[in-house]
């Protein structure tokens, strides 16, 4: 089997890790980005496509596809769910990630503290953050101090999720649910830097939340314990609602307020771009493995072990 992904988001992370574990690799790449990926020595892995959804019509029977944020943003969960791709992880979870109602239901079922949510802008009674649907990296998000401001900024033809805006420190924790080792691993934590929303100097009241990069974060050990339990509860919550597990990487996205309350406002059911900062390893992955272990390599190591145990099908869900 080969390991493949589309050339965006965390492709360098994924493909380099697969190569480190001895896999042949496939990188589905648009012409405009070919030179960039070739500059990292990945020319032999490239399969050129004009549009990423062309992979749905290609022969990928011998390719284990690693999904990342661009799969959902550029192809869409519905098409992925209907495809025959050998997708590592849980295809169904991508649908729960894309749908804000399902996303909220899963977080609450997992016992996570969630900011107050509003079904209608008319119900707003706190400062809020308003989000468009899908995995768009913060594109289209905005904040509003009250109901009137929110309504004035909303497009009546757009679908939104509306949450209470919690003031605090944003913390994004990545996990790995290993089927081969039967354990949850806390892989790393990061803070996302969001264009001018995180700038120190502003001249307007319209911050942009488009993510431009990630900063490494090492958590207090007592706080890390709390996040470890949150990861376990998240997997159990999905199993209760959907009857299936979550193989591989996922991320719980939170804010910690001044009282040390942890609010979960999002999750990502696959590798996140924040893991790119942990090449060649995070503090936690090094402590777990005693070697260089970035997320792309962790995924490939897991797949290798599942193949050896003849258990790969358990990690390609739903079948």
Protein backbone atom coordinates (compact mmCIF):
# COMPACT_ATOMS: atom_id res chain seq x y z
CA UNK A 1 0.00 0.00 0.00
CA UNK A 2 1.01 3.60 -0.67
CA UNK A 3 0.26 6.66 1.45
CA UNK A 4 -1.24 9.65 -0.34
CA UNK A 5 -2.74 13.07 0.22
CA UNK A 6 -3.53 16.28 -1.64
CA UNK A 7 -0.85 18.94 -1.94
CA UNK A 8 -1.98 21.48 0.64
CA UNK A 9 -2.35 22.09 4.39
CA UNK A 10 -0.03 19.47 6.00
CA UNK A 11 1.09 17.52 2.94
CA UNK A 12 4.81 18.02 3.66
CA UNK A 13 4.24 16.68 7.16
CA UNK A 14 2.31 13.63 5.92
CA UNK A 15 4.47 12.66 2.96
CA UNK A 16 7.80 13.14 4.77
CA UNK A 17 6.54 10.95 7.61
CA UNK A 18 5.38 8.25 5.23
CA UNK A 19 8.74 8.22 3.49
CA UNK A 20 10.53 8.01 6.85
CA UNK A 21 8.58 4.81 7.57
CA UNK A 22 9.41 3.31 4.18
CA UNK A 23 6.13 3.84 2.33
CA UNK A 24 5.78 4.77 -1.32
CA UNK A 25 3.89 8.05 -1.52
CA UNK A 26 1.43 9.84 -3.80
CA UNK A 27 0.94 13.60 -3.73
CA UNK A 28 -1.99 14.89 -5.79
CA UNK A 29 -0.85 18.33 -6.85
CA UNK A 30 -2.19 21.20 -8.92
CA UNK A 31 0.18 22.57 -11.59
CA UNK A 32 0.62 25.94 -9.85
CA UNK A 33 2.15 24.25 -6.79
CA UNK A 34 4.25 21.62 -8.49
CA UNK A 35 7.51 23.59 -8.37
CA UNK A 36 7.05 24.26 -4.66
CA UNK A 37 6.65 20.59 -3.72
CA UNK A 38 9.43 19.56 -6.09
CA UNK A 39 11.72 21.90 -4.16
CA UNK A 40 11.27 19.58 -1.16
CA UNK A 41 12.34 16.56 -3.19
CA UNK A 42 8.82 15.20 -3.70
CA UNK A 43 8.77 15.28 -7.50
CA UNK A 44 8.56 11.49 -7.85
CA UNK A 45 5.48 11.41 -5.63
CA UNK A 46 3.48 13.97 -7.60
CA UNK A 47 0.38 13.08 -9.59
CA UNK A 48 -0.78 16.26 -11.29
CA UNK A 49 -4.49 17.18 -11.18
CA UNK A 50 -6.27 20.34 -12.27
CA UNK A 51 -8.77 20.09 -9.43
CA UNK A 52 -8.45 18.15 -6.17
CA UNK A 53 -11.82 16.44 -6.57
CA UNK A 54 -10.39 14.65 -9.64
CA UNK A 55 -8.93 12.12 -7.22
CA UNK A 56 -12.45 10.76 -6.72
CA UNK A 57 -12.32 9.44 -10.30
CA UNK A 58 -8.76 8.09 -10.18
CA UNK A 59 -7.65 4.55 -9.35
CA UNK A 60 -6.64 4.84 -5.70
CA UNK A 61 -7.22 1.23 -4.68
CA UNK A 62 -3.63 0.81 -3.48
CA UNK A 63 -3.47 4.24 -1.77
CA UNK A 64 -4.27 4.97 1.88
CA UNK A 65 -5.46 8.57 1.73
CA UNK A 66 -4.68 10.86 4.67
CA UNK A 67 -7.35 13.57 5.01
CA UNK A 68 -6.58 17.07 6.21
CA UNK A 69 -8.43 20.39 6.26
CA UNK A 70 -8.21 20.89 2.52
CA UNK A 71 -10.14 17.67 1.86
CA UNK A 72 -13.20 19.11 3.56
CA UNK A 73 -12.71 22.65 2.23
CA UNK A 74 -12.02 21.76 -1.42
CA UNK A 75 -13.84 18.46 -1.95
CA UNK A 76 -16.56 18.42 0.72
CA UNK A 77 -17.68 15.81 3.23
CA UNK A 78 -20.61 14.56 1.14
CA UNK A 79 -18.45 13.64 -1.84
CA UNK A 80 -15.84 12.05 0.41
CA UNK A 81 -18.47 9.96 2.20
CA UNK A 82 -19.81 8.64 -1.10
CA UNK A 83 -16.35 7.86 -2.48
CA UNK A 84 -14.38 4.62 -2.50
CA UNK A 85 -11.26 6.27 -1.09
CA UNK A 86 -9.27 4.27 1.45
CA UNK A 87 -9.45 7.17 3.87
CA UNK A 88 -7.46 6.82 7.09
CA UNK A 89 -9.64 7.81 9.99
CA UNK A 90 -13.41 8.07 10.13
CA UNK A 91 -15.15 9.45 7.06
CA UNK A 92 -18.32 10.00 9.05
CA UNK A 93 -16.49 12.26 11.50
CA UNK A 94 -15.66 14.61 8.62
CA UNK A 95 -19.40 15.14 8.17
CA UNK A 96 -19.79 15.87 11.90
CA UNK A 97 -16.92 18.34 11.63
CA UNK A 98 -18.49 20.17 8.69
CA UNK A 99 -22.01 20.39 10.18
CA UNK A 100 -22.16 22.81 13.12
CA UNK A 101 -25.27 21.21 14.66
CA UNK A 102 -23.64 17.76 14.67
CA UNK A 103 -20.40 19.27 15.92
CA UNK A 104 -22.13 20.86 18.90
CA UNK A 105 -24.01 17.65 19.68
CA UNK A 106 -20.80 15.61 19.77
CA UNK A 107 -18.95 18.08 21.98
CA UNK A 108 -21.80 18.13 24.48
CA UNK A 109 -22.19 14.34 24.41
CA UNK A 110 -18.47 14.11 25.21
CA UNK A 111 -18.98 16.15 28.38
CA UNK A 112 -16.99 19.10 27.08
CA UNK A 113 -17.80 22.62 28.29
CA UNK A 114 -19.14 24.48 25.25
CA UNK A 115 -19.71 28.26 24.93
CA UNK A 116 -23.35 29.31 24.85
CA UNK A 117 -24.83 28.82 21.38
CA UNK A 118 -27.60 30.73 19.64
CA UNK A 119 -30.00 29.23 17.10
CA UNK A 120 -30.97 32.69 15.89
CA UNK A 121 -29.30 36.08 15.90
CA UNK A 122 -32.45 37.40 17.58
CA UNK A 123 -31.54 35.39 20.70
CA UNK A 124 -28.07 36.90 21.16
CA UNK A 125 -27.51 38.37 24.62
CA UNK A 126 -23.70 38.31 24.91
CA UNK A 127 -20.73 39.22 22.72
CA UNK A 128 -20.48 36.53 20.04
CA UNK A 129 -18.27 35.05 17.37
CA UNK A 130 -20.14 34.22 14.17
CA UNK A 131 -18.75 31.47 11.91
CA UNK A 132 -19.51 30.31 8.42
CA UNK A 133 -19.93 26.58 7.83
CA UNK A 134 -17.14 24.26 6.70
CA UNK A 135 -13.37 24.12 7.28
CA UNK A 136 -12.33 27.49 5.87
CA UNK A 137 -9.44 28.35 8.17
CA UNK A 138 -11.24 31.29 9.77
CA UNK A 139 -12.46 32.81 6.51
CA UNK A 140 -15.75 34.62 7.01
CA UNK A 141 -15.64 34.70 10.82
CA UNK A 142 -16.45 37.89 12.71
CA UNK A 143 -17.17 39.07 16.25
CA UNK A 144 -20.03 41.26 17.42
CA UNK A 145 -20.66 42.94 20.77
CA UNK A 146 -24.44 42.49 20.65
CA UNK A 147 -27.44 41.31 18.63
CA UNK A 148 -27.74 44.46 16.53
CA UNK A 149 -24.12 44.38 15.41
CA UNK A 150 -24.30 40.67 14.57
CA UNK A 151 -27.41 41.07 12.43
CA UNK A 152 -25.90 44.03 10.58
CA UNK A 153 -22.84 41.93 9.60
CA UNK A 154 -24.64 38.72 8.60
CA UNK A 155 -25.42 37.80 5.00
CA UNK A 156 -29.05 36.57 4.85
CA UNK A 157 -28.06 34.00 2.20
CA UNK A 158 -25.24 32.54 4.32
CA UNK A 159 -25.49 29.82 6.98
CA UNK A 160 -23.80 30.59 10.29
CA UNK A 161 -22.98 29.14 13.67
CA UNK A 162 -23.23 31.64 16.52
CA UNK A 163 -21.33 31.19 19.79
CA UNK A 164 -20.71 33.25 22.91
CA UNK A 165 -17.32 34.93 22.63
CA UNK A 166 -15.22 33.68 25.57
CA UNK A 167 -12.25 35.84 26.56
CA UNK A 168 -9.15 33.80 27.31
CA UNK A 169 -6.17 31.95 25.85
CA UNK A 170 -6.78 29.83 22.76
CA UNK A 171 -5.32 26.34 23.12
CA UNK A 172 -5.41 23.71 20.38
CA UNK A 173 -4.52 20.19 21.53
CA UNK A 174 -3.82 17.38 19.08
CA UNK A 175 -4.40 13.75 19.95
CA UNK A 176 -3.70 10.39 18.38
CA UNK A 177 -6.03 7.45 18.97
CA UNK A 178 -3.89 4.38 18.36
CA UNK A 179 -5.78 1.20 17.51
CA UNK A 180 -2.58 -0.83 17.34
CA UNK A 181 -1.46 0.23 20.82
CA UNK A 182 -5.00 0.64 22.22
CA UNK A 183 -4.34 4.03 23.76
CA UNK A 184 -5.00 7.76 23.46
CA UNK A 185 -1.88 9.90 23.04
CA UNK A 186 -1.66 13.63 23.66
CA UNK A 187 0.58 14.59 20.76
CA UNK A 188 1.09 18.34 21.11
CA UNK A 189 -0.46 21.75 21.73
CA UNK A 190 -0.33 25.00 19.82
CA UNK A 191 -1.74 28.47 19.47
CA UNK A 192 -2.97 29.67 16.08
CA UNK A 193 -1.94 33.09 14.87
CA UNK A 194 -4.84 34.72 13.08
CA UNK A 195 -3.77 37.62 10.83
CA UNK A 196 -4.72 40.95 12.36
CA UNK A 197 -6.99 39.48 15.08
CA UNK A 198 -3.74 38.76 16.91
CA UNK A 199 -1.99 41.99 15.95
CA UNK A 200 -0.99 44.45 18.67
CA UNK A 201 -1.88 47.51 16.63
CA UNK A 202 -5.24 48.01 14.91
CA UNK A 203 -7.07 50.91 13.25
CA UNK A 204 -10.50 49.30 12.81
CA UNK A 205 -12.98 47.07 14.61
CA UNK A 206 -13.06 44.28 12.03
CA UNK A 207 -10.40 41.73 12.96
CA UNK A 208 -9.64 38.94 10.51
CA UNK A 209 -9.56 35.38 11.87
CA UNK A 210 -7.86 33.76 8.87
CA UNK A 211 -5.14 31.47 10.24
CA UNK A 212 -1.67 32.27 8.93
CA UNK A 213 0.43 30.04 11.17
CA UNK A 214 0.88 28.25 14.48
CA UNK A 215 2.95 28.79 17.60
CA UNK A 216 4.17 25.94 19.86
CA UNK A 217 2.72 25.63 23.35
CA UNK A 218 3.77 23.50 26.32
CA UNK A 219 0.97 23.18 28.86
CA UNK A 220 1.18 23.04 32.63
CA UNK A 221 1.26 19.35 33.50
CA UNK A 222 -1.84 19.60 35.69
CA UNK A 223 -3.69 21.20 32.79
CA UNK A 224 -2.38 18.55 30.40
CA UNK A 225 -4.03 15.87 32.55
CA UNK A 226 -7.37 17.59 32.01
CA UNK A 227 -6.85 17.64 28.26
CA UNK A 228 -5.87 13.97 28.26
CA UNK A 229 -9.21 13.10 29.86
CA UNK A 230 -11.03 15.36 27.42
CA UNK A 231 -9.50 13.41 24.54
CA UNK A 232 -10.63 10.09 25.97
CA UNK A 233 -14.14 11.43 26.55
CA UNK A 234 -14.32 12.79 23.02
CA UNK A 235 -13.60 9.36 21.51
CA UNK A 236 -16.14 7.76 23.85
CA UNK A 237 -18.73 10.40 22.94
CA UNK A 238 -18.39 9.67 19.23
CA UNK A 239 -18.57 5.93 19.86
CA UNK A 240 -21.80 6.42 21.82
CA UNK A 241 -23.41 8.59 19.14
CA UNK A 242 -22.12 6.83 16.04
CA UNK A 243 -21.12 3.32 17.11
CA UNK A 244 -17.62 3.72 15.65
CA UNK A 245 -14.23 4.81 16.92
CA UNK A 246 -11.93 7.62 15.74
CA UNK A 247 -8.69 6.15 14.38
CA UNK A 248 -5.62 8.37 14.30
CA UNK A 249 -5.28 12.13 14.78
CA UNK A 250 -7.87 14.63 15.90
CA UNK A 251 -7.80 18.04 17.57
CA UNK A 252 -9.87 19.68 20.30
CA UNK A 253 -9.93 23.47 20.03
CA UNK A 254 -10.42 25.40 23.25
CA UNK A 255 -10.21 28.64 25.21
CA UNK A 256 -9.09 28.77 28.84
CA UNK A 257 -10.59 31.70 30.77
CA UNK A 258 -9.21 33.48 33.85
CA UNK A 259 -10.91 30.96 36.18
CA UNK A 260 -9.09 28.11 34.38
CA UNK A 261 -12.34 26.88 32.83
CA UNK A 262 -11.71 25.10 29.53
CA UNK A 263 -14.30 25.85 26.83
CA UNK A 264 -14.33 23.71 23.68
CA UNK A 265 -15.54 25.64 20.67
CA UNK A 266 -14.41 23.43 17.77
CA UNK A 267 -12.86 20.10 16.88
CA UNK A 268 -11.07 18.74 13.83
CA UNK A 269 -11.47 15.05 13.08
CA UNK A 270 -8.13 14.57 11.32
CA UNK A 271 -4.58 15.95 11.21
CA UNK A 272 -4.43 19.71 11.80
CA UNK A 273 -1.90 22.21 10.48
CA UNK A 274 -0.77 22.90 14.05
CA UNK A 275 1.12 19.61 14.00
CA UNK A 276 3.45 21.07 11.37
CA UNK A 277 5.32 22.90 14.14
CA UNK A 278 6.26 19.57 15.74
CA UNK A 279 8.60 18.37 13.02
CA UNK A 280 10.72 16.45 13.99
CA UNK A 281 8.88 15.91 17.30
CA UNK A 282 6.85 17.48 20.09
CA UNK A 283 7.88 17.22 23.75
CA UNK A 284 5.09 14.71 24.29
CA UNK A 285 5.76 12.55 21.23
CA UNK A 286 9.44 12.40 22.16
CA UNK A 287 8.61 11.28 25.70
CA UNK A 288 6.28 8.60 24.33
CA UNK A 289 8.63 7.21 21.69
CA UNK A 290 12.17 8.31 22.61
CA UNK A 291 12.81 9.25 18.98
CA UNK A 292 11.86 11.82 16.37
CA UNK A 293 8.13 11.42 15.88
CA UNK A 294 6.16 14.05 13.99
CA UNK A 295 2.50 13.51 13.13
CA UNK A 296 3.10 12.37 9.56
CA UNK A 297 5.53 9.75 10.83
CA UNK A 298 3.15 8.79 13.68
CA UNK A 299 0.40 8.13 11.15
CA UNK A 300 2.70 6.03 8.97
CA UNK A 301 4.00 4.06 11.99
CA UNK A 302 0.44 3.26 12.99
CA UNK A 303 -0.50 2.16 9.48
CA UNK A 304 2.58 -0.04 9.26
CA UNK A 305 1.64 -1.77 12.54
CA UNK A 306 -1.97 -2.23 11.48
CA UNK A 307 -0.89 -3.75 8.15
CA UNK A 308 1.45 -6.14 9.98
CA UNK A 309 -1.42 -7.14 12.30
CA UNK A 310 -3.83 -7.52 9.34
CA UNK A 311 -6.05 -4.90 11.00
CA UNK A 312 -5.93 -2.04 8.48
CA UNK A 313 -9.67 -2.22 7.76
CA UNK A 314 -10.36 -1.18 11.36
CA UNK A 315 -8.76 2.21 10.61
CA UNK A 316 -10.64 2.91 7.36
CA UNK A 317 -14.13 3.84 8.57
CA UNK A 318 -16.90 3.56 7.64
CA UNK A 319 -16.20 0.57 5.42
